[in-house]
PDB file of all heavy atoms in Angstrom:
ATOM      1  N   ARG A   1      -6.948  -2.083  27.776  1.00  0.00           N
ATOM      2  CA  ARG A   1      -6.356  -3.088  26.879  1.00  0.00           C
ATOM      3  C   ARG A   1      -6.911  -2.947  25.464  1.00  0.00           C
ATOM      4  O   ARG A   1      -6.172  -3.064  24.477  1.00  0.00           O
ATOM      5  CB  ARG A   1      -6.628  -4.499  27.415  1.00  0.00           C
ATOM      6  CG  ARG A   1      -5.871  -4.839  28.696  1.00  0.00           C
ATOM      7  CD  ARG A   1      -5.876  -6.345  28.945  1.00  0.00           C
ATOM      8  NE  ARG A   1      -7.222  -6.870  29.049  1.00  0.00           N
ATOM      9  CZ  ARG A   1      -7.890  -6.976  30.198  1.00  0.00           C
ATOM     10  NH1 ARG A   1      -7.330  -6.585  31.326  1.00  0.00           N
ATOM     11  NH2 ARG A   1      -9.118  -7.481  30.220  1.00  0.00           N
ATOM     12  N   LEU A   2      -8.222  -2.716  25.378  1.00  0.00           N
ATOM     13  CA  LEU A   2      -8.841  -2.568  24.063  1.00  0.00           C
ATOM     14  C   LEU A   2      -8.314  -1.326  23.338  1.00  0.00           C
ATOM     15  O   LEU A   2      -8.062  -1.366  22.129  1.00  0.00           O
ATOM     16  CB  LEU A   2     -10.360  -2.484  24.196  1.00  0.00           C
ATOM     17  CG  LEU A   2     -11.072  -3.784  24.585  1.00  0.00           C
ATOM     18  CD1 LEU A   2     -12.545  -3.527  24.826  1.00  0.00           C
ATOM     19  CD2 LEU A   2     -10.904  -4.843  23.489  1.00  0.00           C
ATOM     20  N   LYS A   3      -8.132  -0.224  24.086  1.00  0.00           N
ATOM     21  CA  LYS A   3      -7.593   0.987  23.472  1.00  0.00           C
ATOM     22  C   LYS A   3      -6.178   0.762  22.959  1.00  0.00           C
ATOM     23  O   LYS A   3      -5.815   1.232  21.876  1.00  0.00           O
ATOM     24  CB  LYS A   3      -7.618   2.138  24.481  1.00  0.00           C
ATOM     25  CG  LYS A   3      -9.013   2.697  24.747  1.00  0.00           C
ATOM     26  CD  LYS A   3      -8.958   3.874  25.703  1.00  0.00           C
ATOM     27  CE  LYS A   3     -10.353   4.481  25.917  1.00  0.00           C
ATOM     28  NZ  LYS A   3     -10.309   5.621  26.857  1.00  0.00           N
ATOM     29  N   ALA A   4      -5.383   0.032  23.746  1.00  0.00           N
ATOM     30  CA  ALA A   4      -4.019  -0.273  23.310  1.00  0.00           C
ATOM     31  C   ALA A   4      -4.042  -1.150  22.057  1.00  0.00           C
ATOM     32  O   ALA A   4      -3.239  -0.958  21.130  1.00  0.00           O
ATOM     33  CB  ALA A   4      -3.261  -0.968  24.432  1.00  0.00           C
ATOM     34  N   ARG A   5      -4.982  -2.103  22.013  1.00  0.00           N
ATOM     35  CA  ARG A   5      -5.094  -2.979  20.848  1.00  0.00           C
ATOM     36  C   ARG A   5      -5.542  -2.194  19.613  1.00  0.00           C
ATOM     37  O   ARG A   5      -5.039  -2.426  18.503  1.00  0.00           O
ATOM     38  CB  ARG A   5      -6.100  -4.090  21.144  1.00  0.00           C
ATOM     39  CG  ARG A   5      -6.312  -5.083  20.002  1.00  0.00           C
ATOM     40  CD  ARG A   5      -5.043  -5.745  19.567  1.00  0.00           C
ATOM     41  NE  ARG A   5      -5.270  -6.727  18.535  1.00  0.00           N
ATOM     42  CZ  ARG A   5      -4.335  -7.229  17.744  1.00  0.00           C
ATOM     43  NH1 ARG A   5      -3.070  -6.827  17.877  1.00  0.00           N
ATOM     44  NH2 ARG A   5      -4.635  -8.132  16.837  1.00  0.00           N
ATOM     45  N   VAL A   6      -6.477  -1.254  19.821  1.00  0.00           N
ATOM     46  CA  VAL A   6      -6.931  -0.418  18.714  1.00  0.00           C
ATOM     47  C   VAL A   6      -5.771   0.393  18.144  1.00  0.00           C
ATOM     48  O   VAL A   6      -5.609   0.503  16.925  1.00  0.00           O
ATOM     49  CB  VAL A   6      -8.064   0.523  19.184  1.00  0.00           C
ATOM     50  CG1 VAL A   6      -8.326   1.615  18.159  1.00  0.00           C
ATOM     51  CG2 VAL A   6      -9.343  -0.262  19.420  1.00  0.00           C
ATOM     52  N   GLU A   7      -4.959   0.960  19.025  1.00  0.00           N
ATOM     53  CA  GLU A   7      -3.818   1.739  18.572  1.00  0.00           C
ATOM     54  C   GLU A   7      -2.826   0.868  17.812  1.00  0.00           C
ATOM     55  O   GLU A   7      -2.273   1.280  16.780  1.00  0.00           O
ATOM     56  CB  GLU A   7      -3.127   2.397  19.778  1.00  0.00           C
ATOM     57  CG  GLU A   7      -2.036   3.386  19.411  1.00  0.00           C
ATOM     58  CD  GLU A   7      -2.546   4.556  18.595  1.00  0.00           C
ATOM     59  OE1 GLU A   7      -3.721   4.927  18.769  1.00  0.00           O
ATOM     60  OE2 GLU A   7      -1.770   5.097  17.787  1.00  0.00           O
ATOM     61  N   GLU A   8      -2.618  -0.357  18.305  1.00  0.00           N
ATOM     62  CA  GLU A   8      -1.728  -1.283  17.620  1.00  0.00           C
ATOM     63  C   GLU A   8      -2.255  -1.613  16.223  1.00  0.00           C
ATOM     64  O   GLU A   8      -1.488  -1.642  15.246  1.00  0.00           O
ATOM     65  CB  GLU A   8      -1.596  -2.561  18.459  1.00  0.00           C
ATOM     66  CG  GLU A   8      -0.704  -3.630  17.839  1.00  0.00           C
ATOM     67  CD  GLU A   8      -0.680  -4.906  18.655  1.00  0.00           C
ATOM     68  OE1 GLU A   8      -1.148  -4.885  19.812  1.00  0.00           O
ATOM     69  OE2 GLU A   8      -0.204  -5.927  18.135  1.00  0.00           O
ATOM     70  N   LEU A   9      -3.558  -1.867  16.122  1.00  0.00           N
ATOM     71  CA  LEU A   9      -4.153  -2.193  14.824  1.00  0.00           C
ATOM     72  C   LEU A   9      -4.111  -0.995  13.879  1.00  0.00           C
ATOM     73  O   LEU A   9      -3.938  -1.155  12.664  1.00  0.00           O
ATOM     74  CB  LEU A   9      -5.596  -2.664  15.010  1.00  0.00           C
ATOM     75  CG  LEU A   9      -5.756  -4.041  15.672  1.00  0.00           C
ATOM     76  CD1 LEU A   9      -7.226  -4.341  15.921  1.00  0.00           C
ATOM     77  CD2 LEU A   9      -5.136  -5.131  14.817  1.00  0.00           C
ATOM     78  N   ARG A  10      -4.256   0.210  14.434  1.00  0.00           N
ATOM     79  CA  ARG A  10      -4.166   1.394  13.588  1.00  0.00           C
ATOM     80  C   ARG A  10      -2.771   1.534  12.983  1.00  0.00           C
ATOM     81  O   ARG A  10      -2.625   1.891  11.803  1.00  0.00           O
ATOM     82  CB  ARG A  10      -4.503   2.638  14.404  1.00  0.00           C
ATOM     83  CG  ARG A  10      -6.000   2.837  14.624  1.00  0.00           C
ATOM     84  CD  ARG A  10      -6.267   4.031  15.529  1.00  0.00           C
ATOM     85  NE  ARG A  10      -7.700   4.248  15.682  1.00  0.00           N
ATOM     86  CZ  ARG A  10      -8.219   5.064  16.591  1.00  0.00           C
ATOM     87  NH1 ARG A  10      -7.427   5.731  17.424  1.00  0.00           N
ATOM     88  NH2 ARG A  10      -9.533   5.216  16.666  1.00  0.00           N
ATOM     89  N   LEU A  11      -1.751   1.258  13.782  1.00  0.00           N
ATOM     90  CA  LEU A  11      -0.381   1.312  13.270  1.00  0.00           C
ATOM     91  C   LEU A  11      -0.181   0.265  12.180  1.00  0.00           C
ATOM     92  O   LEU A  11       0.442   0.542  11.137  1.00  0.00           O
ATOM     93  CB  LEU A  11       0.615   1.089  14.410  1.00  0.00           C
ATOM     94  CG  LEU A  11       0.697   2.207  15.461  1.00  0.00           C
ATOM     95  CD1 LEU A  11       1.621   1.801  16.606  1.00  0.00           C
ATOM     96  CD2 LEU A  11       1.206   3.501  14.817  1.00  0.00           C
ATOM     97  N   GLN A  12      -0.720  -0.943  12.412  1.00  0.00           N
ATOM     98  CA  GLN A  12      -0.617  -1.984  11.388  1.00  0.00           C
ATOM     99  C   GLN A  12      -1.354  -1.583  10.117  1.00  0.00           C
ATOM    100  O   GLN A  12      -0.879  -1.829   9.007  1.00  0.00           O
ATOM    101  CB  GLN A  12      -1.172  -3.309  11.924  1.00  0.00           C
ATOM    102  CG  GLN A  12      -0.328  -3.928  13.032  1.00  0.00           C
ATOM    103  CD  GLN A  12      -0.921  -5.231  13.532  1.00  0.00           C
ATOM    104  OE1 GLN A  12      -2.028  -5.614  13.152  1.00  0.00           O
ATOM    105  NE2 GLN A  12      -0.189  -5.924  14.389  1.00  0.00           N
ATOM    106  N   ARG A  13      -2.524  -0.948  10.306  1.00  0.00           N
ATOM    107  CA  ARG A  13      -3.281  -0.501   9.147  1.00  0.00           C
ATOM    108  C   ARG A  13      -2.495   0.527   8.347  1.00  0.00           C
ATOM    109  O   ARG A  13      -2.446   0.471   7.109  1.00  0.00           O
ATOM    110  CB  ARG A  13      -4.607   0.110   9.617  1.00  0.00           C
ATOM    111  CG  ARG A  13      -5.484   0.650   8.497  1.00  0.00           C
ATOM    112  CD  ARG A  13      -6.509   1.623   9.032  1.00  0.00           C
ATOM    113  NE  ARG A  13      -5.877   2.771   9.662  1.00  0.00           N
ATOM    114  CZ  ARG A  13      -6.537   3.672  10.374  1.00  0.00           C
ATOM    115  NH1 ARG A  13      -7.837   3.550  10.559  1.00  0.00           N
ATOM    116  NH2 ARG A  13      -5.898   4.701  10.913  1.00  0.00           N
ATOM    117  N   ASP A  14      -1.875   1.492   9.052  1.00  0.00           N
ATOM    118  CA  ASP A  14      -1.100   2.514   8.351  1.00  0.00           C
ATOM    119  C   ASP A  14       0.073   1.895   7.604  1.00  0.00           C
ATOM    120  O   ASP A  14       0.410   2.321   6.487  1.00  0.00           O
ATOM    121  CB  ASP A  14      -0.601   3.558   9.350  1.00  0.00           C
ATOM    122  CG  ASP A  14      -1.740   4.372   9.964  1.00  0.00           C
ATOM    123  OD1 ASP A  14      -2.839   4.382   9.362  1.00  0.00           O
ATOM    124  OD2 ASP A  14      -1.530   4.967  11.026  1.00  0.00           O
ATOM    125  N   GLU A  15       0.713   0.899   8.214  1.00  0.00           N
ATOM    126  CA  GLU A  15       1.821   0.219   7.542  1.00  0.00           C
ATOM    127  C   GLU A  15       1.326  -0.511   6.294  1.00  0.00           C
ATOM    128  O   GLU A  15       1.977  -0.497   5.244  1.00  0.00           O
ATOM    129  CB  GLU A  15       2.491  -0.767   8.505  1.00  0.00           C
ATOM    130  CG  GLU A  15       3.243  -0.095   9.649  1.00  0.00           C
ATOM    131  CD  GLU A  15       3.812  -1.105  10.635  1.00  0.00           C
ATOM    132  OE1 GLU A  15       3.584  -2.318  10.419  1.00  0.00           O
ATOM    133  OE2 GLU A  15       4.457  -0.686  11.612  1.00  0.00           O
ATOM    134  N   LEU A  16       0.146  -1.156   6.421  1.00  0.00           N
ATOM    135  CA  LEU A  16      -0.420  -1.870   5.274  1.00  0.00           C
ATOM    136  C   LEU A  16      -0.769  -0.905   4.144  1.00  0.00           C
ATOM    137  O   LEU A  16      -0.517  -1.200   2.971  1.00  0.00           O
ATOM    138  CB  LEU A  16      -1.664  -2.641   5.705  1.00  0.00           C
ATOM    139  CG  LEU A  16      -1.422  -3.859   6.610  1.00  0.00           C
ATOM    140  CD1 LEU A  16      -2.746  -4.428   7.068  1.00  0.00           C
ATOM    141  CD2 LEU A  16      -0.626  -4.918   5.899  1.00  0.00           C
ATOM    142  N   ARG A  17      -1.333   0.224   4.509  1.00  0.00           N
ATOM    143  CA  ARG A  17      -1.677   1.196   3.481  1.00  0.00           C
ATOM    144  C   ARG A  17      -0.436   1.698   2.762  1.00  0.00           C
ATOM    145  O   ARG A  17      -0.439   1.895   1.540  1.00  0.00           O
ATOM    146  CB  ARG A  17      -2.428   2.370   4.112  1.00  0.00           C
ATOM    147  CG  ARG A  17      -3.876   2.055   4.462  1.00  0.00           C
ATOM    148  CD  ARG A  17      -4.549   3.244   5.125  1.00  0.00           C
ATOM    149  NE  ARG A  17      -5.965   2.975   5.352  1.00  0.00           N
ATOM    150  CZ  ARG A  17      -6.764   3.793   6.038  1.00  0.00           C
ATOM    151  NH1 ARG A  17      -6.271   4.906   6.565  1.00  0.00           N
ATOM    152  NH2 ARG A  17      -8.045   3.491   6.190  1.00  0.00           N
ATOM    153  N   ALA A  18       0.635   1.915   3.530  1.00  0.00           N
ATOM    154  CA  ALA A  18       1.886   2.364   2.917  1.00  0.00           C
ATOM    155  C   ALA A  18       2.427   1.311   1.951  1.00  0.00           C
ATOM    156  O   ALA A  18       2.926   1.634   0.871  1.00  0.00           O
ATOM    157  CB  ALA A  18       2.917   2.674   4.009  1.00  0.00           C
ATOM    158  N   LYS A  19       2.311   0.024   2.348  1.00  0.00           N
ATOM    159  CA  LYS A  19       2.775  -1.053   1.469  1.00  0.00           C
ATOM    160  C   LYS A  19       1.938  -1.117   0.199  1.00  0.00           C
ATOM    161  O   LYS A  19       2.458  -1.300  -0.902  1.00  0.00           O
ATOM    162  CB  LYS A  19       2.715  -2.394   2.209  1.00  0.00           C
ATOM    163  CG  LYS A  19       3.757  -2.553   3.294  1.00  0.00           C
ATOM    164  CD  LYS A  19       3.629  -3.916   3.970  1.00  0.00           C
ATOM    165  CE  LYS A  19       4.669  -4.093   5.062  1.00  0.00           C
ATOM    166  NZ  LYS A  19       4.538  -5.416   5.732  1.00  0.00           N
ATOM    167  N   VAL A  20       0.618  -0.965   0.359  1.00  0.00           N
ATOM    168  CA  VAL A  20      -0.267  -0.996  -0.810  1.00  0.00           C
ATOM    169  C   VAL A  20       0.065   0.145  -1.758  1.00  0.00           C
ATOM    170  O   VAL A  20       0.161  -0.032  -2.977  1.00  0.00           O
ATOM    171  CB  VAL A  20      -1.748  -0.930  -0.372  1.00  0.00           C
ATOM    172  CG1 VAL A  20      -2.648  -0.709  -1.580  1.00  0.00           C
ATOM    173  CG2 VAL A  20      -2.148  -2.206   0.332  1.00  0.00           C
ATOM    174  N   ASP A  21       0.236   1.348  -1.192  1.00  0.00           N
ATOM    175  CA  ASP A  21       0.559   2.507  -2.034  1.00  0.00           C
ATOM    176  C   ASP A  21       1.863   2.282  -2.786  1.00  0.00           C
ATOM    177  O   ASP A  21       1.973   2.600  -3.979  1.00  0.00           O
ATOM    178  CB  ASP A  21       0.664   3.765  -1.169  1.00  0.00           C
ATOM    179  CG  ASP A  21      -0.683   4.196  -0.606  1.00  0.00           C
ATOM    180  OD1 ASP A  21      -1.714   3.804  -1.195  1.00  0.00           O
ATOM    181  OD2 ASP A  21      -0.699   4.909   0.408  1.00  0.00           O
ATOM    182  N   LEU A  22       2.863   1.722  -2.094  1.00  0.00           N
ATOM    183  CA  LEU A  22       4.150   1.472  -2.733  1.00  0.00           C
ATOM    184  C   LEU A  22       4.024   0.446  -3.847  1.00  0.00           C
ATOM    185  O   LEU A  22       4.571   0.625  -4.950  1.00  0.00           O
ATOM    186  CB  LEU A  22       5.164   0.992  -1.682  1.00  0.00           C
ATOM    187  CG  LEU A  22       6.571   0.654  -2.200  1.00  0.00           C
ATOM    188  CD1 LEU A  22       7.197   1.892  -2.844  1.00  0.00           C
ATOM    189  CD2 LEU A  22       7.443   0.124  -1.072  1.00  0.00           C
ATOM    190  N   GLN A  23       3.274  -0.634  -3.584  1.00  0.00           N
ATOM    191  CA  GLN A  23       3.112  -1.671  -4.606  1.00  0.00           C
ATOM    192  C   GLN A  23       2.315  -1.161  -5.796  1.00  0.00           C
ATOM    193  O   GLN A  23       2.601  -1.504  -6.937  1.00  0.00           O
ATOM    194  CB  GLN A  23       2.428  -2.900  -3.989  1.00  0.00           C
ATOM    195  CG  GLN A  23       3.334  -3.669  -3.034  1.00  0.00           C
ATOM    196  CD  GLN A  23       2.626  -4.842  -2.395  1.00  0.00           C
ATOM    197  OE1 GLN A  23       1.406  -4.912  -2.395  1.00  0.00           O
ATOM    198  NE2 GLN A  23       3.390  -5.771  -1.843  1.00  0.00           N
ATOM    199  N   GLU A  24       1.302  -0.309  -5.522  1.00  0.00           N
ATOM    200  CA  GLU A  24       0.538   0.252  -6.630  1.00  0.00           C
ATOM    201  C   GLU A  24       1.411   1.145  -7.506  1.00  0.00           C
ATOM    202  O   GLU A  24       1.300   1.138  -8.733  1.00  0.00           O
ATOM    203  CB  GLU A  24      -0.667   1.030  -6.094  1.00  0.00           C
ATOM    204  CG  GLU A  24      -1.777   0.134  -5.572  1.00  0.00           C
ATOM    205  CD  GLU A  24      -2.965   0.937  -5.094  1.00  0.00           C
ATOM    206  OE1 GLU A  24      -2.825   2.174  -4.959  1.00  0.00           O
ATOM    207  OE2 GLU A  24      -4.026   0.340  -4.873  1.00  0.00           O
ATOM    208  N   LYS A  25       2.291   1.926  -6.866  1.00  0.00           N
ATOM    209  CA  LYS A  25       3.184   2.779  -7.641  1.00  0.00           C
ATOM    210  C   LYS A  25       4.150   1.940  -8.478  1.00  0.00           C
ATOM    211  O   LYS A  25       4.459   2.292  -9.620  1.00  0.00           O
ATOM    212  CB  LYS A  25       3.968   3.696  -6.696  1.00  0.00           C
ATOM    213  CG  LYS A  25       3.114   4.778  -6.048  1.00  0.00           C
ATOM    214  CD  LYS A  25       3.925   5.624  -5.075  1.00  0.00           C
ATOM    215  CE  LYS A  25       3.049   6.686  -4.415  1.00  0.00           C
ATOM    216  NZ  LYS A  25       3.809   7.489  -3.430  1.00  0.00           N
ATOM    217  N   GLN A  26       4.622   0.835  -7.897  1.00  0.00           N
ATOM    218  CA  GLN A  26       5.518  -0.047  -8.646  1.00  0.00           C
ATOM    219  C   GLN A  26       4.793  -0.670  -9.839  1.00  0.00           C
ATOM    220  O   GLN A  26       5.341  -0.773 -10.934  1.00  0.00           O
ATOM    221  CB  GLN A  26       6.062  -1.141  -7.726  1.00  0.00           C
ATOM    222  CG  GLN A  26       7.045  -0.623  -6.683  1.00  0.00           C
ATOM    223  CD  GLN A  26       7.461  -1.702  -5.707  1.00  0.00           C
ATOM    224  OE1 GLN A  26       6.814  -2.754  -5.609  1.00  0.00           O
ATOM    225  NE2 GLN A  26       8.539  -1.454  -4.974  1.00  0.00           N
ATOM    226  N   LEU A  27       3.530  -1.084  -9.599  1.00  0.00           N
ATOM    227  CA  LEU A  27       2.747  -1.668 -10.690  1.00  0.00           C
ATOM    228  C   LEU A  27       2.459  -0.642 -11.779  1.00  0.00           C
ATOM    229  O   LEU A  27       2.512  -0.941 -12.970  1.00  0.00           O
ATOM    230  CB  LEU A  27       1.431  -2.239 -10.150  1.00  0.00           C
ATOM    231  CG  LEU A  27       1.572  -3.510  -9.289  1.00  0.00           C
ATOM    232  CD1 LEU A  27       0.242  -3.822  -8.619  1.00  0.00           C
ATOM    233  CD2 LEU A  27       2.036  -4.683 -10.118  1.00  0.00           C
ATOM    234  N   GLU A  28       2.158   0.593 -11.372  1.00  0.00           N
ATOM    235  CA  GLU A  28       1.922   1.638 -12.360  1.00  0.00           C
ATOM    236  C   GLU A  28       3.184   1.928 -13.164  1.00  0.00           C
ATOM    237  O   GLU A  28       3.133   2.181 -14.364  1.00  0.00           O
ATOM    238  CB  GLU A  28       1.436   2.907 -11.648  1.00  0.00           C
ATOM    239  CG  GLU A  28       0.034   2.791 -11.072  1.00  0.00           C
ATOM    240  CD  GLU A  28      -0.347   4.007 -10.250  1.00  0.00           C
ATOM    241  OE1 GLU A  28       0.515   4.918 -10.124  1.00  0.00           O
ATOM    242  OE2 GLU A  28      -1.478   4.038  -9.736  1.00  0.00           O
ATOM    243  N   LYS A  29       4.341   1.882 -12.475  1.00  0.00           N
ATOM    244  CA  LYS A  29       5.603   2.122 -13.153  1.00  0.00           C
ATOM    245  C   LYS A  29       5.889   1.029 -14.167  1.00  0.00           C
ATOM    246  O   LYS A  29       6.335   1.281 -15.289  1.00  0.00           O
ATOM    247  CB  LYS A  29       6.734   2.195 -12.124  1.00  0.00           C
ATOM    248  CG  LYS A  29       8.087   2.567 -12.719  1.00  0.00           C
ATOM    249  CD  LYS A  29       9.141   2.704 -11.630  1.00  0.00           C
ATOM    250  CE  LYS A  29      10.496   3.070 -12.239  1.00  0.00           C
ATOM    251  NZ  LYS A  29      11.532   3.197 -11.186  1.00  0.00           N
ATOM    252  N   GLU A  30       5.603  -0.225 -13.771  1.00  0.00           N
ATOM    253  CA  GLU A  30       5.800  -1.333 -14.697  1.00  0.00           C
ATOM    254  C   GLU A  30       4.864  -1.218 -15.886  1.00  0.00           C
ATOM    255  O   GLU A  30       5.236  -1.490 -17.023  1.00  0.00           O
ATOM    256  CB  GLU A  30       5.560  -2.671 -13.979  1.00  0.00           C
ATOM    257  CG  GLU A  30       6.611  -2.973 -12.917  1.00  0.00           C
ATOM    258  CD  GLU A  30       6.261  -4.227 -12.129  1.00  0.00           C
ATOM    259  OE1 GLU A  30       5.271  -4.888 -12.506  1.00  0.00           O
ATOM    260  OE2 GLU A  30       6.970  -4.535 -11.159  1.00  0.00           O
ATOM    261  N   GLY A  31       3.591  -0.787 -15.617  1.00  0.00           N
ATOM    262  CA  GLY A  31       2.647  -0.631 -16.705  1.00  0.00           C
ATOM    263  C   GLY A  31       3.031   0.497 -17.637  1.00  0.00           C
ATOM    264  O   GLY A  31       2.774   0.449 -18.838  1.00  0.00           O
ATOM    265  N   ALA A  32       3.690   1.537 -17.083  1.00  0.00           N
ATOM    266  CA  ALA A  32       4.060   2.682 -17.896  1.00  0.00           C
ATOM    267  C   ALA A  32       5.173   2.347 -18.877  1.00  0.00           C
ATOM    268  O   ALA A  32       5.363   3.027 -19.877  1.00  0.00           O
ATOM    269  CB  ALA A  32       4.490   3.840 -16.999  1.00  0.00           C
ATOM    270  N   THR A  33       5.959   1.312 -18.591  1.00  0.00           N
ATOM    271  CA  THR A  33       7.060   0.936 -19.483  1.00  0.00           C
ATOM    272  C   THR A  33       6.562   0.212 -20.718  1.00  0.00           C
ATOM    273  O   THR A  33       7.321  -0.026 -21.653  1.00  0.00           O
ATOM    274  CB  THR A  33       8.073   0.040 -18.732  1.00  0.00           C
ATOM    275  OG1 THR A  33       7.400  -1.142 -18.304  1.00  0.00           O
ATOM    276  CG2 THR A  33       8.652   0.769 -17.534  1.00  0.00           C
ATOM    277  N   THR A  34       5.294  -0.182 -20.698  1.00  0.00           N
ATOM    278  CA  THR A  34       4.722  -0.886 -21.838  1.00  0.00           C
ATOM    279  C   THR A  34       3.842   0.059 -22.642  1.00  0.00           C
ATOM    280  O   THR A  34       3.038   0.795 -22.084  1.00  0.00           O
ATOM    281  CB  THR A  34       3.877  -2.083 -21.360  1.00  0.00           C
ATOM    282  OG1 THR A  34       4.696  -2.925 -20.567  1.00  0.00           O
ATOM    283  CG2 THR A  34       3.343  -2.872 -22.548  1.00  0.00           C
ATOM    284  N   ASP A  35       4.012   0.045 -23.948  1.00  0.00           N
ATOM    285  CA  ASP A  35       3.188   0.881 -24.821  1.00  0.00           C
ATOM    286  C   ASP A  35       1.752   0.396 -24.760  1.00  0.00           C
ATOM    287  O   ASP A  35       1.468  -0.746 -25.119  1.00  0.00           O
ATOM    288  CB  ASP A  35       3.723   0.795 -26.250  1.00  0.00           C
ATOM    289  CG  ASP A  35       2.981   1.760 -27.183  1.00  0.00           C
ATOM    290  OD1 ASP A  35       2.001   2.383 -26.726  1.00  0.00           O
ATOM    291  OD2 ASP A  35       3.383   1.870 -28.345  1.00  0.00           O
ATOM    292  N   PRO A  36       0.814   1.237 -24.289  1.00  0.00           N
ATOM    293  CA  PRO A  36      -0.583   0.794 -24.172  1.00  0.00           C
ATOM    294  C   PRO A  36      -1.144   0.276 -25.482  1.00  0.00           C
ATOM    295  O   PRO A  36      -1.992  -0.609 -25.492  1.00  0.00           O
ATOM    296  CB  PRO A  36      -1.313   2.071 -23.712  1.00  0.00           C
ATOM    297  CG  PRO A  36      -0.257   2.904 -23.054  1.00  0.00           C
ATOM    298  CD  PRO A  36       0.997   2.612 -23.829  1.00  0.00           C
ATOM    299  N   ALA A  37      -0.671   0.854 -26.611  1.00  0.00           N
ATOM    300  CA  ALA A  37      -1.191   0.411 -27.895  1.00  0.00           C
ATOM    301  C   ALA A  37      -0.755  -1.009 -28.231  1.00  0.00           C
ATOM    302  O   ALA A  37      -1.395  -1.709 -29.008  1.00  0.00           O
ATOM    303  CB  ALA A  37      -0.721   1.364 -28.998  1.00  0.00           C
ATOM    304  N   GLN A  38       0.402  -1.427 -27.645  1.00  0.00           N
ATOM    305  CA  GLN A  38       0.922  -2.760 -27.918  1.00  0.00           C
ATOM    306  C   GLN A  38       0.532  -3.778 -26.853  1.00  0.00           C
ATOM    307  O   GLN A  38       0.853  -4.958 -26.975  1.00  0.00           O
ATOM    308  CB  GLN A  38       2.450  -2.702 -28.020  1.00  0.00           C
ATOM    309  CG  GLN A  38       2.954  -1.816 -29.164  1.00  0.00           C
ATOM    310  CD  GLN A  38       4.470  -1.733 -29.197  1.00  0.00           C
ATOM    311  OE1 GLN A  38       5.137  -2.261 -28.307  1.00  0.00           O
ATOM    312  NE2 GLN A  38       5.013  -1.097 -30.234  1.00  0.00           N
TER     313      GLN A  38
END
């Protein structure tokens, strides 16, 4: 049961990491549209 739970949590972790990466890319894209000097 514990091994099955670990595998489930690993899948959730991978999904979370994918979401974080996607949101970071979106934030970087939004930041890139603004002139850093301004």
